[in-house]
Amino acid sequence: MLEFLDLEEKNAYSEHALETAIIDHLEHFLLELGKGFLFEARQKRFTFDNDHFYVDLVFYNRLLRCYVLIDLKRDKLTHQDLGQMQMYVNYFDRLPSASCCAIVSMMHWLS
């Protein structure tokens, strides 16, 4: 991924730095995802039970009529991370534009 984003090799990058690099290379990133993808939001906020949550990057595929949620993580995958992403998927699954389609979720884990 670092090569794709033109980032030099380092031991670690912050989630913000990777998110910014993806946004800076958005056109190329969308072409890599495939046909029909649209960028919807960065740090998309939604509220559930009076708590605010943020999805790092949100894309929509107009051909498949489904969302692609990208949650960037630096650390080891935890059950809490999986539960959080499942909550995001459940939230987006209830949106009218995705009512008939499955939600695709992606997590990128960085060491």
N, C-alpha and C. Protein backbone atom coordinates (compact mmCIF):
# COMPACT_ATOMS: atom_id res chain seq x y z
N MET A 1 0.81 -1.19 0.00
CA MET A 1 0.00 0.00 0.00
C MET A 1 0.87 1.26 0.00
N LEU A 2 1.98 1.23 0.73
CA LEU A 2 2.85 2.41 0.79
C LEU A 2 3.36 2.79 -0.60
N GLU A 3 3.69 1.79 -1.38
CA GLU A 3 4.18 2.05 -2.74
C GLU A 3 3.10 2.73 -3.58
N PHE A 4 1.88 2.25 -3.47
CA PHE A 4 0.74 2.81 -4.19
C PHE A 4 0.53 4.28 -3.82
N LEU A 5 0.74 4.62 -2.55
CA LEU A 5 0.51 5.98 -2.06
C LEU A 5 1.75 6.86 -2.16
N ASP A 6 2.83 6.35 -2.74
CA ASP A 6 4.09 7.09 -2.85
C ASP A 6 4.63 7.52 -1.49
N LEU A 7 4.50 6.66 -0.50
CA LEU A 7 5.03 6.94 0.83
C LEU A 7 6.30 6.13 1.04
N GLU A 8 7.27 6.72 1.69
CA GLU A 8 8.51 6.01 1.96
C GLU A 8 8.30 5.00 3.09
N GLU A 9 9.15 3.98 3.12
CA GLU A 9 9.06 2.95 4.15
C GLU A 9 9.41 3.55 5.51
N LYS A 10 8.49 3.39 6.45
CA LYS A 10 8.72 3.78 7.84
C LYS A 10 8.17 2.68 8.72
N ASN A 11 8.59 2.66 9.98
CA ASN A 11 8.09 1.64 10.90
C ASN A 11 6.60 1.77 11.13
N ALA A 12 6.10 3.00 11.14
CA ALA A 12 4.67 3.19 11.41
C ALA A 12 4.21 4.52 10.82
N TYR A 13 2.96 4.52 10.41
CA TYR A 13 2.28 5.74 9.96
C TYR A 13 1.04 5.89 10.80
N SER A 14 0.64 7.12 11.02
CA SER A 14 -0.62 7.34 11.74
C SER A 14 -1.78 7.05 10.79
N GLU A 15 -2.94 6.75 11.37
CA GLU A 15 -4.13 6.53 10.55
C GLU A 15 -4.44 7.79 9.75
N HIS A 16 -4.24 8.95 10.36
CA HIS A 16 -4.51 10.22 9.69
C HIS A 16 -3.61 10.40 8.46
N ALA A 17 -2.33 10.06 8.60
CA ALA A 17 -1.38 10.20 7.48
C ALA A 17 -1.78 9.30 6.32
N LEU A 18 -2.20 8.08 6.61
CA LEU A 18 -2.63 7.17 5.54
C LEU A 18 -3.92 7.64 4.90
N GLU A 19 -4.84 8.11 5.72
CA GLU A 19 -6.11 8.64 5.20
C GLU A 19 -5.85 9.81 4.27
N THR A 20 -4.96 10.71 4.68
CA THR A 20 -4.63 11.88 3.87
C THR A 20 -3.98 11.45 2.55
N ALA A 21 -3.10 10.46 2.59
CA ALA A 21 -2.44 9.98 1.38
C ALA A 21 -3.46 9.37 0.41
N ILE A 22 -4.44 8.63 0.95
CA ILE A 22 -5.47 8.05 0.10
C ILE A 22 -6.28 9.16 -0.57
N ILE A 23 -6.65 10.18 0.19
CA ILE A 23 -7.42 11.30 -0.36
C ILE A 23 -6.61 12.02 -1.43
N ASP A 24 -5.32 12.21 -1.17
CA ASP A 24 -4.45 12.88 -2.15
C ASP A 24 -4.34 12.09 -3.45
N HIS A 25 -4.49 10.78 -3.38
CA HIS A 25 -4.39 9.91 -4.56
C HIS A 25 -5.76 9.32 -4.91
N LEU A 26 -6.80 10.08 -4.65
CA LEU A 26 -8.17 9.57 -4.75
C LEU A 26 -8.53 9.04 -6.14
N GLU A 27 -8.17 9.76 -7.18
CA GLU A 27 -8.52 9.32 -8.54
C GLU A 27 -7.93 7.94 -8.83
N HIS A 28 -6.65 7.79 -8.53
CA HIS A 28 -5.98 6.50 -8.77
C HIS A 28 -6.58 5.42 -7.87
N PHE A 29 -6.89 5.77 -6.62
CA PHE A 29 -7.48 4.81 -5.68
C PHE A 29 -8.84 4.32 -6.18
N LEU A 30 -9.66 5.24 -6.70
CA LEU A 30 -10.97 4.85 -7.22
C LEU A 30 -10.83 3.92 -8.43
N LEU A 31 -9.86 4.19 -9.28
CA LEU A 31 -9.62 3.32 -10.42
C LEU A 31 -9.18 1.92 -9.97
N GLU A 32 -8.41 1.86 -8.89
CA GLU A 32 -7.98 0.57 -8.36
C GLU A 32 -9.16 -0.21 -7.77
N LEU A 33 -10.13 0.50 -7.17
CA LEU A 33 -11.30 -0.17 -6.61
C LEU A 33 -12.16 -0.80 -7.71
N GLY A 34 -12.24 -0.16 -8.86
CA GLY A 34 -13.00 -0.71 -9.96
C GLY A 34 -14.09 0.24 -10.44
N LYS A 35 -14.95 -0.26 -11.33
CA LYS A 35 -15.99 0.57 -11.93
C LYS A 35 -17.08 0.93 -10.93
N GLY A 36 -17.60 2.14 -11.10
CA GLY A 36 -18.80 2.55 -10.37
C GLY A 36 -18.59 3.13 -8.99
N PHE A 37 -17.35 3.28 -8.54
CA PHE A 37 -17.13 3.77 -7.19
C PHE A 37 -17.15 5.30 -7.12
N LEU A 38 -17.80 5.79 -6.09
CA LEU A 38 -17.88 7.22 -5.82
C LEU A 38 -17.39 7.47 -4.40
N PHE A 39 -16.64 8.56 -4.23
CA PHE A 39 -16.19 8.94 -2.89
C PHE A 39 -17.32 9.71 -2.22
N GLU A 40 -17.71 9.27 -1.03
CA GLU A 40 -18.78 9.95 -0.31
C GLU A 40 -18.27 10.81 0.84
N ALA A 41 -17.37 10.28 1.67
CA ALA A 41 -16.99 11.06 2.84
C ALA A 41 -15.68 10.59 3.45
N ARG A 42 -15.07 11.52 4.13
CA ARG A 42 -13.91 11.26 4.98
C ARG A 42 -14.35 11.59 6.39
N GLN A 43 -14.08 10.70 7.34
CA GLN A 43 -14.52 10.87 8.72
C GLN A 43 -16.04 11.11 8.78
N LYS A 44 -16.78 10.23 8.12
CA LYS A 44 -18.25 10.31 8.08
C LYS A 44 -18.80 10.10 9.48
N ARG A 45 -19.50 11.11 9.98
CA ARG A 45 -20.04 11.05 11.33
C ARG A 45 -21.47 10.55 11.30
N PHE A 46 -21.78 9.68 12.23
CA PHE A 46 -23.17 9.31 12.47
C PHE A 46 -23.37 9.16 13.97
N THR A 47 -24.60 9.29 14.40
CA THR A 47 -24.93 9.26 15.82
C THR A 47 -25.81 8.06 16.11
N PHE A 48 -25.45 7.34 17.15
CA PHE A 48 -26.20 6.18 17.59
C PHE A 48 -26.28 6.22 19.11
N ASP A 49 -27.49 6.22 19.65
CA ASP A 49 -27.70 6.33 21.10
C ASP A 49 -26.97 7.52 21.71
N ASN A 50 -27.05 8.67 21.06
CA ASN A 50 -26.43 9.92 21.51
C ASN A 50 -24.91 9.89 21.55
N ASP A 51 -24.29 8.90 20.95
CA ASP A 51 -22.83 8.85 20.82
C ASP A 51 -22.47 9.06 19.36
N HIS A 52 -21.38 9.77 19.12
CA HIS A 52 -20.92 10.05 17.75
C HIS A 52 -19.83 9.04 17.37
N PHE A 53 -19.92 8.56 16.15
CA PHE A 53 -18.95 7.62 15.60
C PHE A 53 -18.50 8.14 14.24
N TYR A 54 -17.27 7.76 13.84
CA TYR A 54 -16.69 8.25 12.59
C TYR A 54 -16.10 7.10 11.79
N VAL A 55 -16.56 6.96 10.56
CA VAL A 55 -15.98 5.98 9.63
C VAL A 55 -14.90 6.72 8.85
N ASP A 56 -13.69 6.14 8.78
CA ASP A 56 -12.56 6.84 8.16
C ASP A 56 -12.86 7.26 6.72
N LEU A 57 -13.23 6.32 5.87
CA LEU A 57 -13.51 6.62 4.47
C LEU A 57 -14.76 5.87 4.03
N VAL A 58 -15.64 6.57 3.32
CA VAL A 58 -16.88 5.95 2.83
C VAL A 58 -16.96 6.13 1.32
N PHE A 59 -17.13 5.01 0.63
CA PHE A 59 -17.32 5.00 -0.81
C PHE A 59 -18.67 4.36 -1.11
N TYR A 60 -19.22 4.67 -2.27
CA TYR A 60 -20.46 4.06 -2.69
C TYR A 60 -20.27 3.52 -4.10
N ASN A 61 -20.71 2.29 -4.33
CA ASN A 61 -20.64 1.74 -5.67
C ASN A 61 -22.02 1.85 -6.29
N ARG A 62 -22.14 2.69 -7.31
CA ARG A 62 -23.44 2.96 -7.93
C ARG A 62 -23.93 1.79 -8.77
N LEU A 63 -23.03 0.92 -9.23
CA LEU A 63 -23.44 -0.25 -10.01
C LEU A 63 -23.99 -1.35 -9.10
N LEU A 64 -23.32 -1.58 -7.99
CA LEU A 64 -23.75 -2.60 -7.04
C LEU A 64 -24.76 -2.06 -6.02
N ARG A 65 -24.86 -0.74 -5.96
CA ARG A 65 -25.71 -0.04 -4.99
C ARG A 65 -25.40 -0.50 -3.57
N CYS A 66 -24.11 -0.39 -3.21
CA CYS A 66 -23.69 -0.74 -1.87
C CYS A 66 -22.55 0.17 -1.43
N TYR A 67 -22.40 0.28 -0.13
CA TYR A 67 -21.32 1.08 0.45
C TYR A 67 -20.08 0.23 0.67
N VAL A 68 -18.94 0.89 0.60
CA VAL A 68 -17.67 0.31 1.00
C VAL A 68 -17.13 1.20 2.10
N LEU A 69 -16.98 0.61 3.27
CA LEU A 69 -16.50 1.34 4.44
C LEU A 69 -15.07 0.94 4.71
N ILE A 70 -14.20 1.92 4.84
CA ILE A 70 -12.80 1.64 5.13
C ILE A 70 -12.47 2.24 6.48
N ASP A 71 -12.04 1.38 7.37
CA ASP A 71 -11.65 1.78 8.72
C ASP A 71 -10.17 1.46 8.87
N LEU A 72 -9.35 2.46 8.94
CA LEU A 72 -7.90 2.27 9.02
C LEU A 72 -7.50 2.02 10.47
N LYS A 73 -6.71 0.99 10.68
CA LYS A 73 -6.23 0.63 12.01
C LYS A 73 -4.73 0.37 11.93
N ARG A 74 -4.04 0.74 12.99
CA ARG A 74 -2.60 0.53 13.05
C ARG A 74 -2.25 -0.70 13.87
N ASP A 75 -3.07 -1.01 14.83
CA ASP A 75 -2.72 -2.04 15.81
C ASP A 75 -3.35 -3.38 15.47
N LYS A 76 -3.05 -4.36 16.30
CA LYS A 76 -3.57 -5.71 16.14
C LYS A 76 -5.10 -5.71 16.19
N LEU A 77 -5.71 -6.52 15.35
CA LEU A 77 -7.16 -6.66 15.29
C LEU A 77 -7.70 -7.16 16.63
N THR A 78 -8.72 -6.48 17.14
CA THR A 78 -9.34 -6.88 18.40
C THR A 78 -10.83 -7.16 18.17
N HIS A 79 -11.43 -7.83 19.12
CA HIS A 79 -12.87 -8.08 19.05
C HIS A 79 -13.64 -6.77 19.09
N GLN A 80 -13.12 -5.79 19.81
CA GLN A 80 -13.75 -4.47 19.86
C GLN A 80 -13.77 -3.83 18.48
N ASP A 81 -12.67 -3.94 17.74
CA ASP A 81 -12.61 -3.40 16.37
C ASP A 81 -13.65 -4.06 15.48
N LEU A 82 -13.77 -5.37 15.58
CA LEU A 82 -14.77 -6.10 14.77
C LEU A 82 -16.19 -5.68 15.14
N GLY A 83 -16.45 -5.52 16.43
CA GLY A 83 -17.77 -5.09 16.87
C GLY A 83 -18.09 -3.68 16.39
N GLN A 84 -17.09 -2.81 16.44
CA GLN A 84 -17.27 -1.43 15.97
C GLN A 84 -17.59 -1.42 14.48
N MET A 85 -16.85 -2.19 13.69
CA MET A 85 -17.11 -2.23 12.25
C MET A 85 -18.47 -2.83 11.95
N GLN A 86 -18.87 -3.84 12.72
CA GLN A 86 -20.19 -4.43 12.51
C GLN A 86 -21.29 -3.40 12.80
N MET A 87 -21.07 -2.56 13.81
CA MET A 87 -22.02 -1.48 14.10
C MET A 87 -22.10 -0.52 12.91
N TYR A 88 -20.94 -0.16 12.32
CA TYR A 88 -20.93 0.71 11.15
C TYR A 88 -21.73 0.08 10.01
N VAL A 89 -21.47 -1.20 9.75
CA VAL A 89 -22.15 -1.91 8.67
C VAL A 89 -23.65 -1.93 8.91
N ASN A 90 -24.06 -2.22 10.15
CA ASN A 90 -25.49 -2.25 10.48
C ASN A 90 -26.13 -0.88 10.27
N TYR A 91 -25.42 0.18 10.64
CA TYR A 91 -25.94 1.53 10.45
C TYR A 91 -26.14 1.83 8.96
N PHE A 92 -25.12 1.57 8.15
CA PHE A 92 -25.20 1.88 6.72
C PHE A 92 -26.20 0.97 6.01
N ASP A 93 -26.38 -0.23 6.53
CA ASP A 93 -27.34 -1.16 5.95
C ASP A 93 -28.77 -0.63 6.06
N ARG A 94 -29.01 0.23 7.02
CA ARG A 94 -30.35 0.78 7.23
C ARG A 94 -30.63 2.03 6.40
N LEU A 95 -29.64 2.53 5.67
CA LEU A 95 -29.86 3.71 4.84
C LEU A 95 -30.73 3.34 3.65
N PRO A 96 -31.63 4.24 3.26
CA PRO A 96 -32.53 3.94 2.13
C PRO A 96 -31.81 3.56 0.84
N SER A 97 -30.68 4.17 0.56
CA SER A 97 -29.98 3.90 -0.70
C SER A 97 -29.36 2.51 -0.73
N ALA A 98 -29.28 1.85 0.42
CA ALA A 98 -28.68 0.51 0.46
C ALA A 98 -29.67 -0.54 0.95
N SER A 99 -30.93 -0.19 0.95
CA SER A 99 -31.92 -1.07 1.56
C SER A 99 -32.04 -2.42 0.88
N CYS A 100 -31.68 -2.51 -0.38
CA CYS A 100 -31.84 -3.79 -1.08
C CYS A 100 -30.51 -4.49 -1.32
N CYS A 101 -29.45 -3.94 -0.81
CA CYS A 101 -28.14 -4.48 -1.15
C CYS A 101 -27.32 -4.76 0.10
N ALA A 102 -26.35 -5.61 -0.07
CA ALA A 102 -25.42 -5.93 1.02
C ALA A 102 -24.39 -4.81 1.16
N ILE A 103 -23.87 -4.67 2.33
CA ILE A 103 -22.81 -3.71 2.60
C ILE A 103 -21.47 -4.45 2.56
N VAL A 104 -20.52 -3.85 1.90
CA VAL A 104 -19.17 -4.42 1.83
C VAL A 104 -18.32 -3.65 2.83
N SER A 105 -17.64 -4.34 3.70
CA SER A 105 -16.78 -3.66 4.65
C SER A 105 -15.34 -4.12 4.46
N MET A 106 -14.42 -3.20 4.65
CA MET A 106 -13.01 -3.49 4.51
C MET A 106 -12.27 -2.87 5.67
N MET A 107 -11.33 -3.58 6.21
CA MET A 107 -10.43 -3.02 7.21
C MET A 107 -9.02 -3.20 6.70
N HIS A 108 -8.23 -2.21 6.88
CA HIS A 108 -6.83 -2.32 6.51
C HIS A 108 -6.01 -2.29 7.80
N TRP A 109 -5.24 -3.31 8.03
CA TRP A 109 -4.46 -3.39 9.26
C TRP A 109 -3.00 -3.11 8.94
N LEU A 110 -2.42 -2.23 9.70
CA LEU A 110 -1.04 -1.79 9.49
C LEU A 110 -0.19 -2.24 10.65
N SER A 111 1.00 -2.70 10.35
CA SER A 111 1.88 -3.10 11.43
C SER A 111 2.84 -1.99 11.76
